[in-house]
Amino acid sequence: MKKIEAIIKRSSYTIIADKLNTMGYTIIDKRNLEDSKIFDKKQGSKVGGTVGVKTIPLSKIELVV
């Protein structure tokens, strides 16, 4: 048996959970990561404008296969 830990986008959790369930695997733990260092693309102008940077909401899932 192997334990797998994966960090995924929160928005894709339902898709991944459904795919794993169809393959016969269940997620044993899901935690939302609050302080992620992964950022979305910068928006705005670099010259004389504001540049908005936002973090991507992430979750950590664990399963045993």
C-alpha atoms as a PDB file:
ATOM      1  CA  MET A   1       0.000   0.000   0.000  1.00  0.00           C
ATOM      2  CA  LYS A   2       1.175   3.511  -0.810  1.00  0.00           C
ATOM      3  CA  LYS A   3       0.046   6.840   0.600  1.00  0.00           C
ATOM      4  CA  ILE A   4      -0.352   9.589  -1.979  1.00  0.00           C
ATOM      5  CA  GLU A   5      -0.493  13.270  -1.051  1.00  0.00           C
ATOM      6  CA  ALA A   6      -1.438  15.768  -3.725  1.00  0.00           C
ATOM      7  CA  ILE A   7      -1.886  19.531  -3.771  1.00  0.00           C
ATOM      8  CA  ILE A   8      -4.661  20.529  -6.143  1.00  0.00           C
ATOM      9  CA  LYS A   9      -6.778  23.557  -6.991  1.00  0.00           C
ATOM     10  CA  ARG A  10      -9.919  23.731  -4.869  1.00  0.00           C
ATOM     11  CA  SER A  11     -12.046  24.259  -7.970  1.00  0.00           C
ATOM     12  CA  SER A  12     -10.984  20.903  -9.425  1.00  0.00           C
ATOM     13  CA  TYR A  13     -11.608  18.866  -6.249  1.00  0.00           C
ATOM     14  CA  THR A  14     -15.021  17.526  -7.285  1.00  0.00           C
ATOM     15  CA  ILE A  15     -13.723  16.368 -10.675  1.00  0.00           C
ATOM     16  CA  ILE A  16     -10.727  14.589  -9.128  1.00  0.00           C
ATOM     17  CA  ALA A  17     -12.832  13.013  -6.365  1.00  0.00           C
ATOM     18  CA  ASP A  18     -15.352  11.698  -8.913  1.00  0.00           C
ATOM     19  CA  LYS A  19     -12.598  10.216 -11.101  1.00  0.00           C
ATOM     20  CA  LEU A  20     -10.959   8.527  -8.109  1.00  0.00           C
ATOM     21  CA  ASN A  21     -14.310   7.106  -6.956  1.00  0.00           C
ATOM     22  CA  THR A  22     -14.956   5.588 -10.391  1.00  0.00           C
ATOM     23  CA  MET A  23     -11.518   3.924 -10.194  1.00  0.00           C
ATOM     24  CA  GLY A  24     -12.340   2.551  -6.726  1.00  0.00           C
ATOM     25  CA  TYR A  25     -10.207   4.883  -4.570  1.00  0.00           C
ATOM     26  CA  THR A  26     -11.482   7.143  -1.811  1.00  0.00           C
ATOM     27  CA  ILE A  27      -9.877  10.289  -0.460  1.00  0.00           C
ATOM     28  CA  ILE A  28      -9.097   9.821   3.229  1.00  0.00           C
ATOM     29  CA  ASP A  29      -8.303  13.458   4.042  1.00  0.00           C
ATOM     30  CA  LYS A  30      -8.860  16.902   2.479  1.00  0.00           C
ATOM     31  CA  ARG A  31      -7.423  20.109   3.907  1.00  0.00           C
ATOM     32  CA  ASN A  32      -7.642  23.618   2.554  1.00  0.00           C
ATOM     33  CA  LEU A  33      -4.292  25.373   2.365  1.00  0.00           C
ATOM     34  CA  GLU A  34      -4.693  28.971   3.448  1.00  0.00           C
ATOM     35  CA  ASP A  35      -1.221  30.408   2.834  1.00  0.00           C
ATOM     36  CA  SER A  36      -0.221  29.231  -0.622  1.00  0.00           C
ATOM     37  CA  LYS A  37       2.854  30.651  -2.319  1.00  0.00           C
ATOM     38  CA  ILE A  38       1.481  29.882  -5.785  1.00  0.00           C
ATOM     39  CA  PHE A  39       0.135  32.947  -7.549  1.00  0.00           C
ATOM     40  CA  ASP A  40      -2.240  33.472 -10.444  1.00  0.00           C
ATOM     41  CA  LYS A  41      -1.096  35.383 -13.506  1.00  0.00           C
ATOM     42  CA  LYS A  42      -0.507  39.079 -13.044  1.00  0.00           C
ATOM     43  CA  GLN A  43      -3.181  41.323 -14.429  1.00  0.00           C
ATOM     44  CA  GLY A  44      -2.873  44.923 -15.505  1.00  0.00           C
ATOM     45  CA  SER A  45      -0.293  47.118 -17.121  1.00  0.00           C
ATOM     46  CA  LYS A  46       3.357  47.075 -16.125  1.00  0.00           C
ATOM     47  CA  VAL A  47       3.962  50.700 -17.080  1.00  0.00           C
ATOM     48  CA  GLY A  48       2.213  53.261 -14.915  1.00  0.00           C
ATOM     49  CA  GLY A  49      -0.657  51.003 -13.886  1.00  0.00           C
ATOM     50  CA  THR A  50      -1.538  48.725 -11.074  1.00  0.00           C
ATOM     51  CA  VAL A  51      -0.665  45.074 -11.170  1.00  0.00           C
ATOM     52  CA  GLY A  52      -2.994  42.732  -9.320  1.00  0.00           C
ATOM     53  CA  VAL A  53      -1.634  39.462  -7.975  1.00  0.00           C
ATOM     54  CA  LYS A  54      -3.879  36.927  -6.310  1.00  0.00           C
ATOM     55  CA  THR A  55      -3.130  33.539  -4.833  1.00  0.00           C
ATOM     56  CA  ILE A  56      -4.701  30.356  -6.140  1.00  0.00           C
ATOM     57  CA  PRO A  57      -6.878  28.591  -3.528  1.00  0.00           C
ATOM     58  CA  LEU A  58      -5.357  25.152  -2.997  1.00  0.00           C
ATOM     59  CA  SER A  59      -6.290  21.957  -1.173  1.00  0.00           C
ATOM     60  CA  LYS A  60      -4.233  18.990  -0.044  1.00  0.00           C
ATOM     61  CA  ILE A  61      -5.731  15.525  -0.483  1.00  0.00           C
ATOM     62  CA  GLU A  62      -4.469  12.196   0.808  1.00  0.00           C
ATOM     63  CA  LEU A  63      -5.370   8.700  -0.348  1.00  0.00           C
ATOM     64  CA  VAL A  64      -4.040   5.173   0.018  1.00  0.00           C
ATOM     65  CA  VAL A  65      -3.653   2.870  -2.995  1.00  0.00           C
END
